[in-house]
Amino acid sequence: MLYPIAIEPGDDQHAYGVIVPDIPGCFSAGDTLDEAMKNAHEAIDGHLSLLAEDDQAIPMASTVQAHMANPEYAGFIWAVVDVDITQYLGKATKLNVTLPASLIRRIDDFVATHPEYKSRSGFLAKTALEKLISSQAA
């Protein structure tokens, strides 16, 4: 999931500040822009881990465009941080699914050329999550 981050520009005396608008209370910083973005990923990971431990819902990401209109972020630099949220959604559970053989082959061929999915299960989980998120936004 691509979480937008708002980066407050730094200078020689001030670090770059980072706010994750979709995750209330999630902040970070860095002495350089690159460090700020790296630290944002660590902050998001830590925050989502705590939410998962407390069995709280994982916030879904909005678009950068949705946040840019907020005057609170005027003058901020925008970026996105890619976070695999499946690890925060709970323990993996095995299930038996019946699909047409040709669809399974197509999924396997797709996964073979898209390593970000890691496996057929990863593809099905990520695709289902994306569909659920997009249906919530509609």
N, C-alpha and C. Protein backbone atom coordinates (compact mmCIF):
# COMPACT_ATOMS: atom_id res chain seq x y z
N MET A 1 0.85 -1.16 0.00
CA MET A 1 0.00 0.00 0.00
C MET A 1 0.90 1.23 0.00
N LEU A 2 0.53 2.22 -0.81
CA LEU A 2 1.32 3.44 -0.91
C LEU A 2 0.75 4.50 0.04
N TYR A 3 1.46 4.74 1.12
CA TYR A 3 1.05 5.77 2.08
C TYR A 3 1.69 7.10 1.71
N PRO A 4 0.88 8.14 1.49
CA PRO A 4 1.44 9.47 1.25
C PRO A 4 2.12 9.99 2.52
N ILE A 5 3.24 10.66 2.32
CA ILE A 5 3.91 11.34 3.43
C ILE A 5 4.11 12.80 3.06
N ALA A 6 3.89 13.67 4.04
CA ALA A 6 4.10 15.10 3.88
C ALA A 6 5.41 15.44 4.58
N ILE A 7 6.34 16.01 3.82
CA ILE A 7 7.67 16.29 4.36
C ILE A 7 7.85 17.80 4.48
N GLU A 8 8.07 18.25 5.69
CA GLU A 8 8.33 19.67 5.93
C GLU A 8 9.80 19.91 5.63
N PRO A 9 10.09 20.82 4.69
CA PRO A 9 11.49 21.04 4.31
C PRO A 9 12.37 21.44 5.50
N GLY A 10 13.57 20.91 5.50
CA GLY A 10 14.55 21.25 6.53
C GLY A 10 15.60 22.19 5.96
N ASP A 11 16.57 22.52 6.78
CA ASP A 11 17.69 23.35 6.35
C ASP A 11 18.92 22.95 7.17
N ASP A 12 19.95 23.80 7.17
CA ASP A 12 21.19 23.46 7.88
C ASP A 12 20.99 23.30 9.39
N GLN A 13 20.00 23.97 9.94
CA GLN A 13 19.75 23.91 11.38
C GLN A 13 18.55 23.04 11.77
N HIS A 14 17.74 22.64 10.80
CA HIS A 14 16.51 21.91 11.11
C HIS A 14 16.40 20.64 10.27
N ALA A 15 15.91 19.59 10.91
CA ALA A 15 15.70 18.33 10.20
C ALA A 15 14.45 18.44 9.32
N TYR A 16 14.34 17.53 8.37
CA TYR A 16 13.12 17.40 7.57
C TYR A 16 12.11 16.66 8.44
N GLY A 17 10.94 17.25 8.65
CA GLY A 17 9.90 16.61 9.43
C GLY A 17 8.95 15.85 8.53
N VAL A 18 8.46 14.72 9.00
CA VAL A 18 7.57 13.88 8.19
C VAL A 18 6.27 13.61 8.96
N ILE A 19 5.16 13.79 8.27
CA ILE A 19 3.84 13.46 8.80
C ILE A 19 3.22 12.42 7.88
N VAL A 20 2.60 11.42 8.46
CA VAL A 20 1.86 10.42 7.69
C VAL A 20 0.38 10.70 7.93
N PRO A 21 -0.26 11.47 7.04
CA PRO A 21 -1.63 11.93 7.30
C PRO A 21 -2.66 10.82 7.50
N ASP A 22 -2.46 9.68 6.88
CA ASP A 22 -3.45 8.61 6.99
C ASP A 22 -3.29 7.76 8.25
N ILE A 23 -2.20 7.99 9.00
CA ILE A 23 -1.96 7.23 10.22
C ILE A 23 -1.81 8.23 11.36
N PRO A 24 -2.89 8.55 12.04
CA PRO A 24 -2.83 9.55 13.10
C PRO A 24 -1.75 9.23 14.13
N GLY A 25 -0.96 10.24 14.44
CA GLY A 25 0.11 10.09 15.43
C GLY A 25 1.40 9.53 14.88
N CYS A 26 1.48 9.29 13.59
CA CYS A 26 2.69 8.74 12.98
C CYS A 26 3.52 9.87 12.39
N PHE A 27 4.69 10.11 13.00
CA PHE A 27 5.59 11.17 12.58
C PHE A 27 7.01 10.62 12.50
N SER A 28 7.85 11.35 11.79
CA SER A 28 9.25 10.98 11.70
C SER A 28 10.05 12.20 11.28
N ALA A 29 11.35 12.02 11.10
CA ALA A 29 12.22 13.12 10.68
C ALA A 29 13.51 12.53 10.13
N GLY A 30 14.31 13.39 9.54
CA GLY A 30 15.62 13.00 9.05
C GLY A 30 16.44 14.23 8.71
N ASP A 31 17.75 14.11 8.83
CA ASP A 31 18.64 15.24 8.54
C ASP A 31 18.68 15.58 7.06
N THR A 32 18.41 14.57 6.20
CA THR A 32 18.34 14.80 4.76
C THR A 32 16.98 14.32 4.27
N LEU A 33 16.65 14.72 3.06
CA LEU A 33 15.37 14.29 2.48
C LEU A 33 15.33 12.77 2.36
N ASP A 34 16.42 12.17 1.88
CA ASP A 34 16.47 10.72 1.74
C ASP A 34 16.32 10.02 3.09
N GLU A 35 16.99 10.55 4.10
CA GLU A 35 16.90 9.96 5.44
C GLU A 35 15.49 10.10 6.00
N ALA A 36 14.85 11.22 5.73
CA ALA A 36 13.48 11.44 6.20
C ALA A 36 12.53 10.41 5.59
N MET A 37 12.69 10.13 4.30
CA MET A 37 11.82 9.14 3.65
C MET A 37 12.09 7.74 4.18
N LYS A 38 13.36 7.40 4.41
CA LYS A 38 13.71 6.09 4.97
C LYS A 38 13.14 5.95 6.37
N ASN A 39 13.30 6.99 7.18
CA ASN A 39 12.80 6.95 8.54
C ASN A 39 11.27 6.90 8.58
N ALA A 40 10.62 7.48 7.58
CA ALA A 40 9.16 7.42 7.51
C ALA A 40 8.70 5.97 7.38
N HIS A 41 9.40 5.20 6.56
CA HIS A 41 9.04 3.78 6.41
C HIS A 41 9.16 3.07 7.74
N GLU A 42 10.23 3.32 8.48
CA GLU A 42 10.41 2.69 9.78
C GLU A 42 9.32 3.13 10.77
N ALA A 43 8.95 4.41 10.72
CA ALA A 43 7.90 4.91 11.62
C ALA A 43 6.55 4.26 11.30
N ILE A 44 6.24 4.14 10.01
CA ILE A 44 4.99 3.50 9.61
C ILE A 44 4.98 2.05 10.06
N ASP A 45 6.08 1.35 9.84
CA ASP A 45 6.19 -0.06 10.23
C ASP A 45 5.97 -0.21 11.74
N GLY A 46 6.62 0.63 12.52
CA GLY A 46 6.47 0.55 13.97
C GLY A 46 5.05 0.86 14.42
N HIS A 47 4.47 1.87 13.81
CA HIS A 47 3.11 2.27 14.18
C HIS A 47 2.09 1.17 13.83
N LEU A 48 2.21 0.62 12.63
CA LEU A 48 1.28 -0.44 12.22
C LEU A 48 1.48 -1.70 13.05
N SER A 49 2.71 -1.98 13.45
CA SER A 49 2.97 -3.14 14.31
C SER A 49 2.25 -2.99 15.64
N LEU A 50 2.31 -1.78 16.21
CA LEU A 50 1.62 -1.54 17.49
C LEU A 50 0.10 -1.65 17.34
N LEU A 51 -0.42 -1.12 16.23
CA LEU A 51 -1.86 -1.24 16.00
C LEU A 51 -2.26 -2.71 15.89
N ALA A 52 -1.46 -3.49 15.16
CA ALA A 52 -1.76 -4.92 15.00
C ALA A 52 -1.70 -5.64 16.34
N GLU A 53 -0.70 -5.32 17.18
CA GLU A 53 -0.58 -5.94 18.49
C GLU A 53 -1.80 -5.64 19.36
N ASP A 54 -2.34 -4.43 19.22
CA ASP A 54 -3.52 -4.02 19.99
C ASP A 54 -4.82 -4.43 19.30
N ASP A 55 -4.71 -5.20 18.22
CA ASP A 55 -5.86 -5.68 17.45
C ASP A 55 -6.75 -4.53 16.96
N GLN A 56 -6.10 -3.44 16.54
CA GLN A 56 -6.82 -2.29 16.00
C GLN A 56 -6.74 -2.33 14.47
N ALA A 57 -7.67 -1.64 13.83
CA ALA A 57 -7.72 -1.61 12.37
C ALA A 57 -6.49 -0.91 11.80
N ILE A 58 -6.02 -1.41 10.69
CA ILE A 58 -4.91 -0.80 9.98
C ILE A 58 -5.49 0.28 9.07
N PRO A 59 -5.05 1.54 9.23
CA PRO A 59 -5.59 2.61 8.39
C PRO A 59 -5.23 2.40 6.92
N MET A 60 -6.19 2.65 6.06
CA MET A 60 -5.96 2.55 4.64
C MET A 60 -5.37 3.88 4.13
N ALA A 61 -4.65 3.80 3.05
CA ALA A 61 -4.00 4.99 2.49
C ALA A 61 -4.94 5.73 1.55
N SER A 62 -4.85 7.04 1.61
CA SER A 62 -5.55 7.90 0.66
C SER A 62 -4.57 8.25 -0.45
N THR A 63 -4.98 9.12 -1.33
CA THR A 63 -4.07 9.57 -2.39
C THR A 63 -3.35 10.84 -1.95
N VAL A 64 -2.22 11.09 -2.56
CA VAL A 64 -1.50 12.34 -2.30
C VAL A 64 -2.40 13.52 -2.63
N GLN A 65 -3.09 13.42 -3.74
CA GLN A 65 -3.95 14.52 -4.20
C GLN A 65 -5.02 14.86 -3.14
N ALA A 66 -5.54 13.86 -2.47
CA ALA A 66 -6.55 14.11 -1.45
C ALA A 66 -6.00 14.95 -0.30
N HIS A 67 -4.72 14.79 0.01
CA HIS A 67 -4.12 15.53 1.12
C HIS A 67 -3.55 16.89 0.70
N MET A 68 -3.18 17.02 -0.57
CA MET A 68 -2.55 18.26 -1.04
C MET A 68 -3.48 19.47 -0.88
N ALA A 69 -4.77 19.24 -0.90
CA ALA A 69 -5.72 20.34 -0.78
C ALA A 69 -5.80 20.89 0.64
N ASN A 70 -5.26 20.15 1.61
CA ASN A 70 -5.30 20.57 3.00
C ASN A 70 -4.28 21.69 3.24
N PRO A 71 -4.74 22.88 3.64
CA PRO A 71 -3.82 24.01 3.84
C PRO A 71 -2.79 23.76 4.94
N GLU A 72 -3.05 22.80 5.79
CA GLU A 72 -2.09 22.45 6.85
C GLU A 72 -0.75 21.97 6.26
N TYR A 73 -0.80 21.47 5.02
CA TYR A 73 0.40 20.93 4.39
C TYR A 73 0.96 21.84 3.29
N ALA A 74 0.58 23.09 3.29
CA ALA A 74 1.08 24.03 2.28
C ALA A 74 2.61 24.13 2.41
N GLY A 75 3.29 24.02 1.28
CA GLY A 75 4.74 24.11 1.26
C GLY A 75 5.47 22.82 1.58
N PHE A 76 4.72 21.76 1.85
CA PHE A 76 5.34 20.47 2.15
C PHE A 76 5.71 19.76 0.85
N ILE A 77 6.68 18.88 0.93
CA ILE A 77 7.08 18.01 -0.17
C ILE A 77 6.30 16.71 -0.01
N TRP A 78 5.80 16.17 -1.12
CA TRP A 78 5.01 14.94 -1.04
C TRP A 78 5.78 13.76 -1.62
N ALA A 79 5.63 12.63 -0.99
CA ALA A 79 6.20 11.38 -1.47
C ALA A 79 5.26 10.26 -1.02
N VAL A 80 5.51 9.06 -1.47
CA VAL A 80 4.75 7.90 -1.00
C VAL A 80 5.73 6.85 -0.49
N VAL A 81 5.28 6.11 0.50
CA VAL A 81 6.07 5.02 1.07
C VAL A 81 5.29 3.73 0.84
N ASP A 82 5.94 2.77 0.19
CA ASP A 82 5.31 1.49 -0.12
C ASP A 82 5.46 0.55 1.08
N VAL A 83 4.34 0.14 1.64
CA VAL A 83 4.33 -0.72 2.82
C VAL A 83 3.44 -1.93 2.53
N ASP A 84 3.99 -3.12 2.73
CA ASP A 84 3.21 -4.35 2.59
C ASP A 84 2.44 -4.55 3.90
N ILE A 85 1.15 -4.25 3.89
CA ILE A 85 0.38 -4.30 5.14
C ILE A 85 -0.14 -5.69 5.47
N THR A 86 0.08 -6.67 4.60
CA THR A 86 -0.47 -8.00 4.87
C THR A 86 0.06 -8.58 6.18
N GLN A 87 1.29 -8.23 6.54
CA GLN A 87 1.87 -8.75 7.78
C GLN A 87 1.15 -8.22 9.03
N TYR A 88 0.40 -7.14 8.89
CA TYR A 88 -0.30 -6.55 10.03
C TYR A 88 -1.77 -6.97 10.10
N LEU A 89 -2.21 -7.78 9.18
CA LEU A 89 -3.62 -8.15 9.09
C LEU A 89 -3.97 -9.41 9.85
N GLY A 90 -3.00 -10.00 10.53
CA GLY A 90 -3.26 -11.19 11.33
C GLY A 90 -2.53 -12.40 10.81
N LYS A 91 -2.62 -13.45 11.59
CA LYS A 91 -1.96 -14.71 11.28
C LYS A 91 -2.50 -15.30 9.97
N ALA A 92 -1.62 -15.85 9.19
CA ALA A 92 -2.03 -16.48 7.95
C ALA A 92 -2.89 -17.71 8.26
N THR A 93 -3.93 -17.86 7.48
CA THR A 93 -4.84 -18.99 7.64
C THR A 93 -4.96 -19.71 6.31
N LYS A 94 -4.78 -21.01 6.36
CA LYS A 94 -4.87 -21.80 5.15
C LYS A 94 -6.33 -22.05 4.81
N LEU A 95 -6.66 -21.93 3.51
CA LEU A 95 -8.01 -22.23 3.07
C LEU A 95 -7.95 -22.94 1.73
N ASN A 96 -9.00 -23.63 1.43
CA ASN A 96 -9.09 -24.37 0.18
C ASN A 96 -9.96 -23.56 -0.78
N VAL A 97 -9.41 -23.23 -1.95
CA VAL A 97 -10.12 -22.42 -2.93
C VAL A 97 -10.17 -23.19 -4.24
N THR A 98 -11.31 -23.16 -4.89
CA THR A 98 -11.46 -23.82 -6.18
C THR A 98 -11.51 -22.76 -7.27
N LEU A 99 -10.58 -22.86 -8.23
CA LEU A 99 -10.50 -21.93 -9.35
C LEU A 99 -10.31 -22.72 -10.64
N PRO A 100 -10.74 -22.16 -11.76
CA PRO A 100 -10.49 -22.83 -13.05
C PRO A 100 -8.99 -22.99 -13.30
N ALA A 101 -8.60 -24.11 -13.88
CA ALA A 101 -7.19 -24.41 -14.14
C ALA A 101 -6.52 -23.33 -14.99
N SER A 102 -7.22 -22.81 -15.99
CA SER A 102 -6.61 -21.78 -16.84
C SER A 102 -6.36 -20.49 -16.06
N LEU A 103 -7.22 -20.17 -15.11
CA LEU A 103 -7.01 -18.97 -14.29
C LEU A 103 -5.81 -19.17 -13.37
N ILE A 104 -5.66 -20.35 -12.81
CA ILE A 104 -4.51 -20.64 -11.96
C ILE A 104 -3.22 -20.51 -12.76
N ARG A 105 -3.21 -21.04 -14.00
CA ARG A 105 -2.01 -20.92 -14.85
C ARG A 105 -1.69 -19.46 -15.13
N ARG A 106 -2.73 -18.67 -15.42
CA ARG A 106 -2.51 -17.24 -15.71
C ARG A 106 -1.98 -16.51 -14.48
N ILE A 107 -2.51 -16.84 -13.32
CA ILE A 107 -2.01 -16.23 -12.08
C ILE A 107 -0.55 -16.62 -11.86
N ASP A 108 -0.24 -17.89 -12.01
CA ASP A 108 1.13 -18.36 -11.80
C ASP A 108 2.10 -17.71 -12.80
N ASP A 109 1.68 -17.58 -14.06
CA ASP A 109 2.52 -16.92 -15.07
C ASP A 109 2.75 -15.46 -14.70
N PHE A 110 1.72 -14.80 -14.21
CA PHE A 110 1.84 -13.40 -13.82
C PHE A 110 2.79 -13.26 -12.63
N VAL A 111 2.62 -14.10 -11.63
CA VAL A 111 3.47 -14.05 -10.43
C VAL A 111 4.92 -14.33 -10.80
N ALA A 112 5.14 -15.22 -11.76
CA ALA A 112 6.51 -15.54 -12.18
C ALA A 112 7.25 -14.33 -12.74
N THR A 113 6.51 -13.39 -13.31
CA THR A 113 7.15 -12.19 -13.89
C THR A 113 6.96 -10.95 -13.01
N HIS A 114 6.32 -11.10 -11.87
CA HIS A 114 6.10 -9.99 -10.93
C HIS A 114 6.49 -10.46 -9.52
N PRO A 115 7.77 -10.44 -9.20
CA PRO A 115 8.24 -11.00 -7.93
C PRO A 115 7.72 -10.29 -6.68
N GLU A 116 7.15 -9.10 -6.84
CA GLU A 116 6.62 -8.40 -5.67
C GLU A 116 5.47 -9.16 -5.02
N TYR A 117 4.84 -10.08 -5.77
CA TYR A 117 3.75 -10.87 -5.21
C TYR A 117 4.24 -12.11 -4.46
N LYS A 118 5.44 -12.55 -4.72
CA LYS A 118 6.13 -13.65 -4.05
C LYS A 118 5.53 -15.03 -4.28
N SER A 119 4.20 -15.13 -4.36
CA SER A 119 3.55 -16.44 -4.51
C SER A 119 2.12 -16.24 -5.01
N ARG A 120 1.49 -17.34 -5.36
CA ARG A 120 0.08 -17.30 -5.77
C ARG A 120 -0.77 -16.74 -4.61
N SER A 121 -0.49 -17.20 -3.41
CA SER A 121 -1.24 -16.70 -2.25
C SER A 121 -1.03 -15.20 -2.05
N GLY A 122 0.22 -14.76 -2.24
CA GLY A 122 0.51 -13.34 -2.11
C GLY A 122 -0.25 -12.51 -3.13
N PHE A 123 -0.32 -13.03 -4.35
CA PHE A 123 -1.06 -12.34 -5.41
C PHE A 123 -2.55 -12.26 -5.05
N LEU A 124 -3.12 -13.38 -4.63
CA LEU A 124 -4.55 -13.39 -4.31
C LEU A 124 -4.85 -12.47 -3.12
N ALA A 125 -4.00 -12.48 -2.10
CA ALA A 125 -4.21 -11.63 -0.93
C ALA A 125 -4.10 -10.16 -1.29
N LYS A 126 -3.05 -9.80 -2.04
CA LYS A 126 -2.85 -8.39 -2.38
C LYS A 126 -3.95 -7.88 -3.31
N THR A 127 -4.35 -8.69 -4.26
CA THR A 127 -5.40 -8.30 -5.20
C THR A 127 -6.74 -8.15 -4.47
N ALA A 128 -7.04 -9.07 -3.57
CA ALA A 128 -8.29 -8.98 -2.80
C ALA A 128 -8.29 -7.73 -1.92
N LEU A 129 -7.16 -7.46 -1.28
CA LEU A 129 -7.06 -6.28 -0.42
C LEU A 129 -7.24 -5.00 -1.23
N GLU A 130 -6.60 -4.93 -2.40
CA GLU A 130 -6.75 -3.75 -3.26
C GLU A 130 -8.21 -3.54 -3.66
N LYS A 131 -8.89 -4.61 -3.99
CA LYS A 131 -10.30 -4.52 -4.37
C LYS A 131 -11.15 -4.04 -3.19
N LEU A 132 -10.88 -4.57 -2.00
CA LEU A 132 -11.64 -4.15 -0.82
C LEU A 132 -11.39 -2.68 -0.49
N ILE A 133 -10.16 -2.24 -0.64
CA ILE A 133 -9.82 -0.84 -0.37
C ILE A 133 -10.50 0.07 -1.38
N SER A 134 -10.45 -0.30 -2.65
CA SER A 134 -11.06 0.55 -3.68
C SER A 134 -12.58 0.60 -3.52
N SER A 135 -13.18 -0.48 -3.02
CA SER A 135 -14.64 -0.46 -2.83
C SER A 135 -15.02 0.42 -1.63
N GLN A 136 -14.13 0.56 -0.65
CA GLN A 136 -14.37 1.44 0.49
C GLN A 136 -14.31 2.90 0.06
N ALA A 137 -13.42 3.21 -0.88
CA ALA A 137 -13.24 4.59 -1.33
C ALA A 137 -14.40 5.04 -2.21
N ALA A 138 -15.09 4.10 -2.84
CA ALA A 138 -16.17 4.46 -3.76
C ALA A 138 -17.42 4.88 -3.05
